[in-house]
Every structure is written in structure tokens, then in C-alpha cells.
PDB file of N, CA and C in Angstrom:
ATOM      1  N   MET A   1       1.134  -0.985  -0.140  1.00  0.00           N
ATOM      2  CA  MET A   1       0.183   0.022   0.105  1.00  0.00           C
ATOM      3  C   MET A   1       1.081   1.036  -0.636  1.00  0.00           C
ATOM      4  N   LEU A   2       1.796   1.084   0.695  1.00  0.00           N
ATOM      5  CA  LEU A   2       2.335   2.720   0.967  1.00  0.00           C
ATOM      6  C   LEU A   2       3.633   2.806  -0.875  1.00  0.00           C
ATOM      7  N   LYS A   3       3.641   1.594  -1.380  1.00  0.00           N
ATOM      8  CA  LYS A   3       4.295   1.863  -2.769  1.00  0.00           C
ATOM      9  C   LYS A   3       3.439   2.784  -3.894  1.00  0.00           C
ATOM     10  N   LEU A   4       1.697   2.186  -3.639  1.00  0.00           N
ATOM     11  CA  LEU A   4       1.560   3.055  -4.376  1.00  0.00           C
ATOM     12  C   LEU A   4       0.563   4.221  -4.274  1.00  0.00           C
ATOM     13  N   LEU A   5       0.779   4.203  -2.512  1.00  0.00           N
ATOM     14  CA  LEU A   5       0.397   5.560  -2.196  1.00  0.00           C
ATOM     15  C   LEU A   5       1.970   6.702  -2.921  1.00  0.00           C
ATOM     16  N   ARG A   6       3.450   6.106  -2.989  1.00  0.00           N
ATOM     17  CA  ARG A   6       3.912   6.754  -2.838  1.00  0.00           C
ATOM     18  C   ARG A   6       4.126   6.707  -4.889  1.00  0.00           C
ATOM     19  N   PHE A   7       3.925   6.445  -5.301  1.00  0.00           N
ATOM     20  CA  PHE A   7       3.745   6.305  -7.107  1.00  0.00           C
ATOM     21  C   PHE A   7       2.459   7.289  -7.312  1.00  0.00           C
ATOM     22  N   ILE A   8       1.421   7.724  -6.887  1.00  0.00           N
ATOM     23  CA  ILE A   8       0.675   8.390  -6.944  1.00  0.00           C
ATOM     24  C   ILE A   8       0.985   9.203  -6.231  1.00  0.00           C
ATOM     25  N   TYR A   9       1.634  10.104  -5.260  1.00  0.00           N
ATOM     26  CA  TYR A   9       2.564  10.904  -4.655  1.00  0.00           C
ATOM     27  C   TYR A   9       3.167  11.602  -5.884  1.00  0.00           C
ATOM     28  N   HIS A  10       4.305  10.471  -6.447  1.00  0.00           N
ATOM     29  CA  HIS A  10       5.560  11.516  -7.675  1.00  0.00           C
ATOM     30  C   HIS A  10       4.827  11.063  -8.948  1.00  0.00           C
ATOM     31  N   LEU A  11       3.470  10.500  -9.433  1.00  0.00           N
ATOM     32  CA  LEU A  11       3.120  10.218 -10.774  1.00  0.00           C
ATOM     33  C   LEU A  11       3.205  11.889 -11.778  1.00  0.00           C
ATOM     34  N   PRO A  12       2.902  12.927 -10.752  1.00  0.00           N
ATOM     35  CA  PRO A  12       2.735  14.364 -11.457  1.00  0.00           C
ATOM     36  C   PRO A  12       3.787  14.205 -12.128  1.00  0.00           C
ATOM     37  N   ASN A  13       4.464  14.429 -10.992  1.00  0.00           N
ATOM     38  CA  ASN A  13       6.204  15.135 -10.966  1.00  0.00           C
ATOM     39  C   ASN A  13       6.855  13.947 -12.474  1.00  0.00           C
ATOM     40  N   PHE A  14       6.723  12.647 -12.603  1.00  0.00           N
ATOM     41  CA  PHE A  14       6.777  11.811 -13.312  1.00  0.00           C
ATOM     42  C   PHE A  14       6.471  11.972 -14.563  1.00  0.00           C
ATOM     43  N   LEU A  15       5.111  12.828 -14.853  1.00  0.00           N
ATOM     44  CA  LEU A  15       4.298  12.583 -15.858  1.00  0.00           C
ATOM     45  C   LEU A  15       5.471  14.338 -16.023  1.00  0.00           C
ATOM     46  N   LYS A  16       5.241  15.415 -15.504  1.00  0.00           N
ATOM     47  CA  LYS A  16       5.987  16.531 -15.834  1.00  0.00           C
ATOM     48  C   LYS A  16       7.491  16.591 -16.658  1.00  0.00           C
ATOM     49  N   LEU A  17       7.803  15.340 -15.992  1.00  0.00           N
ATOM     50  CA  LEU A  17       9.029  15.034 -16.782  1.00  0.00           C
ATOM     51  C   LEU A  17       9.050  14.361 -18.071  1.00  0.00           C
ATOM     52  N   ALA A  18       8.523  13.657 -18.479  1.00  0.00           N
ATOM     53  CA  ALA A  18       8.587  12.447 -19.299  1.00  0.00           C
ATOM     54  C   ALA A  18       8.237  13.608 -20.345  1.00  0.00           C
ATOM     55  N   TRP A  19       7.505  14.377 -20.127  1.00  0.00           N
ATOM     56  CA  TRP A  19       6.693  15.613 -20.952  1.00  0.00           C
ATOM     57  C   TRP A  19       7.734  16.269 -21.393  1.00  0.00           C
ATOM     58  N   ARG A  20       8.180  17.094 -20.883  1.00  0.00           N
ATOM     59  CA  ARG A  20       9.245  17.760 -21.208  1.00  0.00           C
ATOM     60  C   ARG A  20      10.879  17.290 -22.000  1.00  0.00           C
ATOM     61  N   LEU A  21      11.181  15.784 -21.435  1.00  0.00           N
ATOM     62  CA  LEU A  21      11.818  15.017 -22.126  1.00  0.00           C
ATOM     63  C   LEU A  21      11.646  14.846 -23.686  1.00  0.00           C
ATOM     64  N   PHE A  22      10.604  14.822 -23.734  1.00  0.00           N
ATOM     65  CA  PHE A  22       9.535  14.237 -24.842  1.00  0.00           C
ATOM     66  C   PHE A  22       9.823  15.821 -25.849  1.00  0.00           C
ATOM     67  N   TRP A  23       9.637  17.184 -25.690  1.00  0.00           N
ATOM     68  CA  TRP A  23      10.119  18.078 -26.192  1.00  0.00           C
ATOM     69  C   TRP A  23      12.060  18.378 -26.030  1.00  0.00           C
ATOM     70  N   ASP A  24      12.298  17.991 -25.573  1.00  0.00           N
ATOM     71  CA  ASP A  24      13.765  18.236 -25.480  1.00  0.00           C
ATOM     72  C   ASP A  24      14.352  18.027 -26.534  1.00  0.00           C
ATOM     73  N   GLN A  25      15.347  18.852 -27.309  1.00  0.00           N
ATOM     74  CA  GLN A  25      15.713  18.942 -28.606  1.00  0.00           C
ATOM     75  C   GLN A  25      16.714  18.117 -28.966  1.00  0.00           C
ATOM     76  N   ARG A  26      17.951  18.127 -27.385  1.00  0.00           N
ATOM     77  CA  ARG A  26      18.722  16.990 -27.646  1.00  0.00           C
ATOM     78  C   ARG A  26      18.594  15.429 -26.628  1.00  0.00           C
ATOM     79  N   ILE A  27      17.069  15.171 -26.630  1.00  0.00           N
ATOM     80  CA  ILE A  27      16.602  13.821 -26.784  1.00  0.00           C
ATOM     81  C   ILE A  27      16.222  13.018 -28.481  1.00  0.00           C
ATOM     82  N   PRO A  28      17.182  12.341 -28.956  1.00  0.00           N
ATOM     83  CA  PRO A  28      16.942  11.431 -30.602  1.00  0.00           C
ATOM     84  C   PRO A  28      15.653  10.903 -30.407  1.00  0.00           C
ATOM     85  N   VAL A  29      15.332  11.183 -31.832  1.00  0.00           N
ATOM     86  CA  VAL A  29      13.645  11.023 -31.691  1.00  0.00           C
ATOM     87  C   VAL A  29      13.466   9.896 -32.309  1.00  0.00           C
ATOM     88  N   TYR A  30      13.762   8.945 -32.451  1.00  0.00           N
ATOM     89  CA  TYR A  30      13.629   7.476 -32.874  1.00  0.00           C
ATOM     90  C   TYR A  30      13.517   7.086 -31.174  1.00  0.00           C
ATOM     91  N   LEU A  31      14.051   7.777 -29.830  1.00  0.00           N
ATOM     92  CA  LEU A  31      13.972   7.599 -28.614  1.00  0.00           C
ATOM     93  C   LEU A  31      12.437   7.548 -28.363  1.00  0.00           C
ATOM     94  N   LYS A  32      11.829   9.065 -28.754  1.00  0.00           N
ATOM     95  CA  LYS A  32      10.227   9.481 -28.813  1.00  0.00           C
ATOM     96  C   LYS A  32       9.220   9.110 -29.477  1.00  0.00           C
ATOM     97  N   PHE A  33       9.548   8.242 -29.837  1.00  0.00           N
ATOM     98  CA  PHE A  33       8.733   7.068 -30.630  1.00  0.00           C
ATOM     99  C   PHE A  33       8.410   5.962 -29.155  1.00  0.00           C
ATOM    100  N   ILE A  34       9.054   5.357 -28.532  1.00  0.00           N
ATOM    101  CA  ILE A  34       8.850   5.377 -27.386  1.00  0.00           C
ATOM    102  C   ILE A  34       7.694   4.917 -26.762  1.00  0.00           C
ATOM    103  N   PRO A  35       7.071   6.733 -25.760  1.00  0.00           N
ATOM    104  CA  PRO A  35       5.758   6.902 -25.361  1.00  0.00           C
ATOM    105  C   PRO A  35       4.665   7.207 -26.829  1.00  0.00           C
ATOM    106  N   LEU A  36       5.209   7.701 -27.954  1.00  0.00           N
ATOM    107  CA  LEU A  36       4.532   7.591 -28.853  1.00  0.00           C
ATOM    108  C   LEU A  36       3.977   5.996 -29.209  1.00  0.00           C
ATOM    109  N   ILE A  37       3.867   4.827 -29.621  1.00  0.00           N
ATOM    110  CA  ILE A  37       4.203   3.884 -29.655  1.00  0.00           C
ATOM    111  C   ILE A  37       3.164   3.132 -28.513  1.00  0.00           C
ATOM    112  N   PHE A  38       3.683   3.219 -27.329  1.00  0.00           N
ATOM    113  CA  PHE A  38       2.986   2.572 -26.107  1.00  0.00           C
ATOM    114  C   PHE A  38       1.594   3.578 -25.773  1.00  0.00           C
ATOM    115  N   GLY A  39       1.296   5.265 -26.003  1.00  0.00           N
ATOM    116  CA  GLY A  39      -0.010   5.631 -26.221  1.00  0.00           C
ATOM    117  C   GLY A  39      -1.056   5.720 -27.398  1.00  0.00           C
ATOM    118  N   VAL A  40      -0.032   5.203 -28.418  1.00  0.00           N
ATOM    119  CA  VAL A  40      -1.317   4.447 -29.474  1.00  0.00           C
ATOM    120  C   VAL A  40      -2.098   3.185 -28.820  1.00  0.00           C
ATOM    121  N   ILE A  41      -1.302   2.343 -28.591  1.00  0.00           N
ATOM    122  CA  ILE A  41      -1.878   0.986 -28.000  1.00  0.00           C
ATOM    123  C   ILE A  41      -2.770   1.201 -26.751  1.00  0.00           C
ATOM    124  N   SER A  42      -2.049   2.231 -26.316  1.00  0.00           N
ATOM    125  CA  SER A  42      -3.355   2.581 -24.718  1.00  0.00           C
ATOM    126  C   SER A  42      -4.653   3.291 -25.427  1.00  0.00           C
ATOM    127  N   VAL A  43      -4.338   3.843 -26.421  1.00  0.00           N
ATOM    128  CA  VAL A  43      -5.363   4.735 -26.849  1.00  0.00           C
ATOM    129  C   VAL A  43      -6.467   3.491 -27.694  1.00  0.00           C
ATOM    130  N   VAL A  44      -5.682   2.279 -28.264  1.00  0.00           N
ATOM    131  CA  VAL A  44      -6.342   1.489 -29.110  1.00  0.00           C
ATOM    132  C   VAL A  44      -7.663   0.835 -28.549  1.00  0.00           C
ATOM    133  N   PHE A  45      -6.634   0.375 -27.274  1.00  0.00           N
ATOM    134  CA  PHE A  45      -7.659  -0.267 -25.877  1.00  0.00           C
ATOM    135  C   PHE A  45      -8.471   0.145 -25.177  1.00  0.00           C
ATOM    136  N   PHE A  46      -8.497   1.781 -25.398  1.00  0.00           N
ATOM    137  CA  PHE A  46      -9.252   2.500 -24.648  1.00  0.00           C
ATOM    138  C   PHE A  46     -10.543   2.423 -25.976  1.00  0.00           C
ATOM    139  N   VAL A  47     -10.433   2.792 -26.843  1.00  0.00           N
ATOM    140  CA  VAL A  47     -11.472   2.673 -28.632  1.00  0.00           C
ATOM    141  C   VAL A  47     -11.889   1.189 -27.961  1.00  0.00           C
ATOM    142  N   LEU A  48     -11.136   0.555 -28.520  1.00  0.00           N
ATOM    143  CA  LEU A  48     -12.140  -0.940 -28.101  1.00  0.00           C
ATOM    144  C   LEU A  48     -13.000  -1.697 -27.254  1.00  0.00           C
ATOM    145  N   TYR A  49     -12.280  -1.113 -25.718  1.00  0.00           N
ATOM    146  CA  TYR A  49     -12.789  -1.378 -24.740  1.00  0.00           C
ATOM    147  C   TYR A  49     -14.481  -0.378 -24.899  1.00  0.00           C
ATOM    148  N   TYR A  50     -14.869   0.485 -25.239  1.00  0.00           N
ATOM    149  CA  TYR A  50     -16.078   1.327 -25.814  1.00  0.00           C
ATOM    150  C   TYR A  50     -16.684   0.737 -26.883  1.00  0.00           C
ATOM    151  N   ILE A  51     -16.356   0.232 -28.189  1.00  0.00           N
ATOM    152  CA  ILE A  51     -16.717  -0.353 -29.187  1.00  0.00           C
ATOM    153  C   ILE A  51     -17.680  -2.266 -28.716  1.00  0.00           C
ATOM    154  N   MET A  52     -16.492  -2.228 -27.650  1.00  0.00           N
ATOM    155  CA  MET A  52     -16.609  -4.319 -27.088  1.00  0.00           C
ATOM    156  C   MET A  52     -16.763  -3.986 -25.923  1.00  0.00           C
ATOM    157  N   PRO A  53     -17.737  -3.501 -24.650  1.00  0.00           N
ATOM    158  CA  PRO A  53     -17.704  -2.803 -23.538  1.00  0.00           C
ATOM    159  C   PRO A  53     -17.840  -4.740 -23.038  1.00  0.00           C
ATOM    160  N   VAL A  54     -16.271  -5.471 -22.993  1.00  0.00           N
ATOM    161  CA  VAL A  54     -16.536  -6.411 -22.555  1.00  0.00           C
ATOM    162  C   VAL A  54     -15.718  -5.605 -21.098  1.00  0.00           C
ATOM    163  N   ASP A  55     -16.560  -6.746 -19.557  1.00  0.00           N
ATOM    164  CA  ASP A  55     -15.426  -7.031 -18.483  1.00  0.00           C
ATOM    165  C   ASP A  55     -14.325  -7.175 -18.600  1.00  0.00           C
ATOM    166  N   PHE A  56     -12.945  -7.066 -18.617  1.00  0.00           N
ATOM    167  CA  PHE A  56     -11.312  -7.772 -18.608  1.00  0.00           C
ATOM    168  C   PHE A  56     -11.476  -8.454 -17.294  1.00  0.00           C
ATOM    169  N   TRP A  57     -11.278  -7.476 -16.576  1.00  0.00           N
ATOM    170  CA  TRP A  57     -11.336  -7.881 -15.004  1.00  0.00           C
ATOM    171  C   TRP A  57     -12.654  -7.160 -13.997  1.00  0.00           C
ATOM    172  N   PRO A  58     -12.419  -7.471 -13.172  1.00  0.00           N
ATOM    173  CA  PRO A  58     -13.441  -6.862 -12.329  1.00  0.00           C
ATOM    174  C   PRO A  58     -13.038  -5.353 -11.715  1.00  0.00           C
ATOM    175  N   ASP A  59     -14.196  -5.281 -11.014  1.00  0.00           N
ATOM    176  CA  ASP A  59     -14.157  -3.613 -11.131  1.00  0.00           C
ATOM    177  C   ASP A  59     -13.298  -3.358  -9.805  1.00  0.00           C
ATOM    178  N   PHE A  60     -11.907  -2.397  -9.861  1.00  0.00           N
ATOM    179  CA  PHE A  60     -11.470  -2.241  -8.541  1.00  0.00           C
ATOM    180  C   PHE A  60     -12.148  -0.932  -8.332  1.00  0.00           C
ATOM    181  N   LEU A  61     -12.404  -0.154  -9.110  1.00  0.00           N
ATOM    182  CA  LEU A  61     -12.664   1.229  -8.251  1.00  0.00           C
ATOM    183  C   LEU A  61     -14.224   1.212  -9.384  1.00  0.00           C
ATOM    184  N   PRO A  62     -14.920   1.538  -7.815  1.00  0.00           N
ATOM    185  CA  PRO A  62     -16.600   2.015  -8.257  1.00  0.00           C
ATOM    186  C   PRO A  62     -16.942   3.110  -9.308  1.00  0.00           C
ATOM    187  N   LEU A  63     -16.527   3.316 -10.489  1.00  0.00           N
ATOM    188  CA  LEU A  63     -16.353   4.224 -11.271  1.00  0.00           C
ATOM    189  C   LEU A  63     -17.474   3.891 -12.523  1.00  0.00           C
ATOM    190  N   GLY A  64     -17.540   2.709 -12.708  1.00  0.00           N
ATOM    191  CA  GLY A  64     -18.919   2.193 -13.846  1.00  0.00           C
ATOM    192  C   GLY A  64     -18.464   1.865 -15.217  1.00  0.00           C
ATOM    193  N   ARG A  65     -18.170   2.721 -15.657  1.00  0.00           N
ATOM    194  CA  ARG A  65     -17.473   2.005 -17.620  1.00  0.00           C
ATOM    195  C   ARG A  65     -16.933   2.948 -18.162  1.00  0.00           C
ATOM    196  N   LEU A  66     -15.836   3.385 -16.290  1.00  0.00           N
ATOM    197  CA  LEU A  66     -14.452   4.453 -16.787  1.00  0.00           C
ATOM    198  C   LEU A  66     -13.224   3.890 -15.873  1.00  0.00           C
ATOM    199  N   ASP A  67     -13.335   2.835 -15.085  1.00  0.00           N
ATOM    200  CA  ASP A  67     -12.509   2.559 -14.536  1.00  0.00           C
ATOM    201  C   ASP A  67     -11.543   0.929 -15.746  1.00  0.00           C
ATOM    202  N   ASP A  68     -12.401   0.109 -16.191  1.00  0.00           N
ATOM    203  CA  ASP A  68     -11.913  -0.305 -17.197  1.00  0.00           C
ATOM    204  C   ASP A  68     -10.504   0.214 -17.968  1.00  0.00           C
ATOM    205  N   PRO A  69     -11.429   1.526 -18.940  1.00  0.00           N
ATOM    206  CA  PRO A  69     -10.258   1.672 -20.142  1.00  0.00           C
ATOM    207  C   PRO A  69      -9.071   2.505 -19.366  1.00  0.00           C
ATOM    208  N   ILE A  70      -9.248   2.701 -17.924  1.00  0.00           N
ATOM    209  CA  ILE A  70      -8.698   3.850 -17.254  1.00  0.00           C
ATOM    210  C   ILE A  70      -7.411   2.683 -16.786  1.00  0.00           C
ATOM    211  N   VAL A  71      -7.179   1.487 -16.771  1.00  0.00           N
ATOM    212  CA  VAL A  71      -6.293   0.627 -16.361  1.00  0.00           C
ATOM    213  C   VAL A  71      -5.077   0.708 -17.328  1.00  0.00           C
ATOM    214  N   PRO A  72      -6.049  -0.165 -18.375  1.00  0.00           N
ATOM    215  CA  PRO A  72      -4.706  -0.328 -19.551  1.00  0.00           C
ATOM    216  C   PRO A  72      -4.095   1.565 -20.040  1.00  0.00           C
ATOM    217  N   VAL A  73      -4.199   2.061 -19.764  1.00  0.00           N
ATOM    218  CA  VAL A  73      -3.563   3.277 -19.766  1.00  0.00           C
ATOM    219  C   VAL A  73      -2.663   2.919 -18.364  1.00  0.00           C
ATOM    220  N   LEU A  74      -3.069   3.060 -17.466  1.00  0.00           N
ATOM    221  CA  LEU A  74      -1.682   2.722 -16.390  1.00  0.00           C
ATOM    222  C   LEU A  74      -0.935   1.240 -16.461  1.00  0.00           C
ATOM    223  N   ILE A  75      -1.783   0.379 -17.008  1.00  0.00           N
ATOM    224  CA  ILE A  75      -0.681  -0.730 -17.374  1.00  0.00           C
ATOM    225  C   ILE A  75       0.535  -0.620 -19.011  1.00  0.00           C
ATOM    226  N   ILE A  76      -0.417  -0.484 -19.701  1.00  0.00           N
ATOM    227  CA  ILE A  76       0.924   0.227 -21.125  1.00  0.00           C
ATOM    228  C   ILE A  76       1.249   1.820 -20.874  1.00  0.00           C
ATOM    229  N   PHE A  77       0.797   2.263 -20.895  1.00  0.00           N
ATOM    230  CA  PHE A  77       1.199   4.340 -21.603  1.00  0.00           C
ATOM    231  C   PHE A  77       2.473   4.024 -19.690  1.00  0.00           C
ATOM    232  N   ILE A  78       1.899   4.136 -18.411  1.00  0.00           N
ATOM    233  CA  ILE A  78       3.234   4.709 -17.675  1.00  0.00           C
ATOM    234  C   ILE A  78       4.261   3.923 -17.927  1.00  0.00           C
ATOM    235  N   PRO A  79       4.172   2.249 -18.162  1.00  0.00           N
ATOM    236  CA  PRO A  79       5.294   1.457 -17.826  1.00  0.00           C
ATOM    237  C   PRO A  79       6.346   2.104 -19.382  1.00  0.00           C
ATOM    238  N   GLY A  80       5.301   2.645 -20.683  1.00  0.00           N
ATOM    239  CA  GLY A  80       5.647   3.102 -21.992  1.00  0.00           C
ATOM    240  C   GLY A  80       6.746   4.309 -21.504  1.00  0.00           C
ATOM    241  N   LEU A  81       6.278   5.122 -20.570  1.00  0.00           N
ATOM    242  CA  LEU A  81       7.103   6.388 -20.033  1.00  0.00           C
ATOM    243  C   LEU A  81       7.645   6.039 -19.820  1.00  0.00           C
ATOM    244  N   TYR A  82       7.982   4.783 -18.310  1.00  0.00           N
ATOM    245  CA  TYR A  82       9.008   4.931 -17.718  1.00  0.00           C
ATOM    246  C   TYR A  82      10.391   4.259 -18.338  1.00  0.00           C
ATOM    247  N   LEU A  83      10.063   3.819 -19.705  1.00  0.00           N
ATOM    248  CA  LEU A  83      10.839   3.380 -20.562  1.00  0.00           C
ATOM    249  C   LEU A  83      11.865   4.350 -20.932  1.00  0.00           C
ATOM    250  N   PHE A  84      10.803   4.837 -21.784  1.00  0.00           N
ATOM    251  CA  PHE A  84      11.201   6.048 -22.848  1.00  0.00           C
ATOM    252  C   PHE A  84      12.426   7.128 -21.511  1.00  0.00           C
ATOM    253  N   THR A  85      11.859   7.277 -20.512  1.00  0.00           N
ATOM    254  CA  THR A  85      13.062   7.842 -19.292  1.00  0.00           C
ATOM    255  C   THR A  85      13.894   7.191 -18.983  1.00  0.00           C
ATOM    256  N   LYS A  86      14.139   5.420 -19.361  1.00  0.00           N
ATOM    257  CA  LYS A  86      15.198   5.019 -18.632  1.00  0.00           C
ATOM    258  C   LYS A  86      16.057   4.978 -20.385  1.00  0.00           C
ATOM    259  N   ALA A  87      15.722   5.166 -21.284  1.00  0.00           N
ATOM    260  CA  ALA A  87      16.209   5.189 -22.265  1.00  0.00           C
ATOM    261  C   ALA A  87      17.022   6.596 -23.295  1.00  0.00           C
ATOM    262  N   CYS A  88      16.637   7.751 -22.347  1.00  0.00           N
ATOM    263  CA  CYS A  88      17.030   9.288 -22.709  1.00  0.00           C
ATOM    264  C   CYS A  88      18.443   8.665 -21.975  1.00  0.00           C
ATOM    265  N   PRO A  89      19.388   9.870 -22.319  1.00  0.00           N
ATOM    266  CA  PRO A  89      20.525  10.172 -21.555  1.00  0.00           C
ATOM    267  C   PRO A  89      20.728  10.124 -20.135  1.00  0.00           C
ATOM    268  N   ARG A  90      21.282  10.188 -19.292  1.00  0.00           N
ATOM    269  CA  ARG A  90      21.109   9.962 -18.046  1.00  0.00           C
ATOM    270  C   ARG A  90      20.926  11.607 -17.166  1.00  0.00           C
ATOM    271  N   GLU A  91      22.301  11.974 -18.085  1.00  0.00           N
ATOM    272  CA  GLU A  91      22.424  13.397 -17.931  1.00  0.00           C
ATOM    273  C   GLU A  91      21.537  14.294 -18.153  1.00  0.00           C
ATOM    274  N   ILE A  92      20.654  14.529 -19.097  1.00  0.00           N
ATOM    275  CA  ILE A  92      19.498  14.889 -19.840  1.00  0.00           C
ATOM    276  C   ILE A  92      18.462  14.888 -18.841  1.00  0.00           C
ATOM    277  N   VAL A  93      18.370  13.685 -18.269  1.00  0.00           N
ATOM    278  CA  VAL A  93      17.089  13.834 -16.776  1.00  0.00           C
ATOM    279  C   VAL A  93      17.338  14.216 -15.933  1.00  0.00           C
ATOM    280  N   LEU A  94      18.398  13.566 -15.480  1.00  0.00           N
ATOM    281  CA  LEU A  94      19.196  14.385 -14.142  1.00  0.00           C
ATOM    282  C   LEU A  94      18.939  15.910 -14.571  1.00  0.00           C
ATOM    283  N   GLU A  95      18.896  16.995 -15.345  1.00  0.00           N
ATOM    284  CA  GLU A  95      18.952  17.892 -15.481  1.00  0.00           C
ATOM    285  C   GLU A  95      17.245  18.586 -15.225  1.00  0.00           C
ATOM    286  N   HIS A  96      16.256  17.811 -15.978  1.00  0.00           N
ATOM    287  CA  HIS A  96      15.416  17.978 -16.276  1.00  0.00           C
ATOM    288  C   HIS A  96      14.547  17.795 -14.681  1.00  0.00           C
ATOM    289  N   ALA A  97      14.811  16.556 -14.062  1.00  0.00           N
ATOM    290  CA  ALA A  97      14.402  16.024 -12.298  1.00  0.00           C
ATOM    291  C   ALA A  97      15.079  17.163 -11.309  1.00  0.00           C
ATOM    292  N   GLU A  98      15.929  17.545 -11.566  1.00  0.00           N
ATOM    293  CA  GLU A  98      16.144  18.993 -10.601  1.00  0.00           C
ATOM    294  C   GLU A  98      15.960  20.246 -11.050  1.00  0.00           C
ATOM    295  N   ARG A  99      15.325  20.169 -11.967  1.00  0.00           N
ATOM    296  CA  ARG A  99      14.553  21.237 -12.023  1.00  0.00           C
ATOM    297  C   ARG A  99      13.450  21.504 -11.584  1.00  0.00           C
ATOM    298  N   ILE A 100      12.644  20.102 -12.003  1.00  0.00           N
ATOM    299  CA  ILE A 100      10.986  20.274 -11.634  1.00  0.00           C
ATOM    300  C   ILE A 100      11.247  20.104  -9.671  1.00  0.00           C
ATOM    301  N   ASP A 101      12.333  19.488  -9.574  1.00  0.00           N
ATOM    302  CA  ASP A 101      12.008  19.369  -8.090  1.00  0.00           C
ATOM    303  C   ASP A 101      12.484  21.093  -7.316  1.00  0.00           C
ATOM    304  N   GLU A 102      13.111  22.009  -8.249  1.00  0.00           N
ATOM    305  CA  GLU A 102      13.295  23.092  -7.683  1.00  0.00           C
ATOM    306  C   GLU A 102      12.533  24.036  -7.630  1.00  0.00           C
ATOM    307  N   GLU A 103      11.642  23.290  -9.153  1.00  0.00           N
ATOM    308  CA  GLU A 103       9.880  24.736  -9.051  1.00  0.00           C
ATOM    309  C   GLU A 103       9.240  23.903  -8.027  1.00  0.00           C
ATOM    310  N   ARG A 104       9.555  22.638  -7.646  1.00  0.00           N
ATOM    311  CA  ARG A 104       8.065  21.874  -7.129  1.00  0.00           C
ATOM    312  C   ARG A 104       9.052  22.939  -5.449  1.00  0.00           C
ATOM    313  N   ARG A 105      10.282  23.159  -5.030  1.00  0.00           N
ATOM    314  CA  ARG A 105      10.388  24.004  -4.462  1.00  0.00           C
ATOM    315  C   ARG A 105      10.783  24.567  -3.540  1.00  0.00           C
ATOM    316  N   SER A 106      10.111  25.201  -4.551  1.00  0.00           N
ATOM    317  CA  SER A 106      10.239  27.240  -4.632  1.00  0.00           C
ATOM    318  C   SER A 106       8.378  27.586  -4.806  1.00  0.00           C
ATOM    319  N   ARG A 107       7.657  26.457  -5.116  1.00  0.00           N
ATOM    320  CA  ARG A 107       5.926  26.400  -4.727  1.00  0.00           C
ATOM    321  C   ARG A 107       5.860  26.426  -3.161  1.00  0.00           C
ATOM    322  N   ARG A 108       6.517  25.538  -2.846  1.00  0.00           N
ATOM    323  CA  ARG A 108       6.171  25.014  -1.107  1.00  0.00           C
ATOM    324  C   ARG A 108       6.458  26.036  -0.711  1.00  0.00           C
ATOM    325  N   ILE A 109       7.412  26.968  -0.387  1.00  0.00           N
ATOM    326  CA  ILE A 109       8.011  27.972   0.444  1.00  0.00           C
ATOM    327  C   ILE A 109       7.074  29.428   0.493  1.00  0.00           C
ATOM    328  N   PHE A 110       5.779  28.900  -0.391  1.00  0.00           N
ATOM    329  CA  PHE A 110       4.436  29.889   0.364  1.00  0.00           C
ATOM    330  C   PHE A 110       3.833  29.688   1.471  1.00  0.00           C
ATOM    331  N   PHE A 111       3.671  27.937   1.637  1.00  0.00           N
ATOM    332  CA  PHE A 111       2.449  27.122   2.406  1.00  0.00           C
ATOM    333  C   PHE A 111       3.881  27.336   3.428  1.00  0.00           C
ATOM    334  N   ARG A 112       5.137  27.483   3.531  1.00  0.00           N
ATOM    335  CA  ARG A 112       5.576  27.011   4.970  1.00  0.00           C
ATOM    336  C   ARG A 112       5.447  28.556   6.440  1.00  0.00           C
ATOM    337  N   PHE A 113       4.599  27.996   7.400  1.00  0.00           N
ATOM    338  CA  PHE A 113       4.801  28.853   8.120  1.00  0.00           C
ATOM    339  C   PHE A 113       6.033  29.517   9.487  1.00  0.00           C
TER     340      PHE A 113
END
């Protein structure tokens, strides 16, 4: 349970990191196909569910028809982004991660007493 909460806590920063890496000109174009391919696959699963609404797994979130398409996105797209960030040059990833951390810390200073 703690790992899931940690994952949820860091997910916005991870998505921001992947977004910045995707638009960074120093990242080779062939690496940018990784999130695109995984994104297309997850969208295909999303569309297939609405064309053919078969309950692939028992509902674990009480969201009705919305929870089944969310699961393929989490199972397919997020690992694709993880693979993309691991394939990117380490120094560029660290540069963006440090910048995101600095932005996060500068926003939190307003809430300290």
C-alpha cells in the first residue's frame, strides 16, 4: 500500500519529466517513438473497450465504464513512459528532474509558516 501511495504522489512529477524529455531537442527522435507507440496502443485498448464493452477484469474502482479504460492506460502507457525515461541520456534526465524539484520546492515556500 505504501508503494502505491508513493507512486501516486510522484506521478505528476514523473509525467512532467516525461513531457519535458519528449520536447527536449537533445533527445534523439527514435527514442521519442517509445511513448508514442505505447500511447497509441493504450488508446487502441481504450477505443476497443467502448466498441466492445467486455469486462476484462473485475471492477476495483466503482467508476462504472470508466475504470476499465483507465487500467490499460496505467498498465501500458505509464510503463512506456518509464521505459522512455530510462532510455534517455542520464545527464539530461537528471537536469530536468533537478529543475522540476527546484520548481516544486519554490512553490512550497509559500505554504511554510
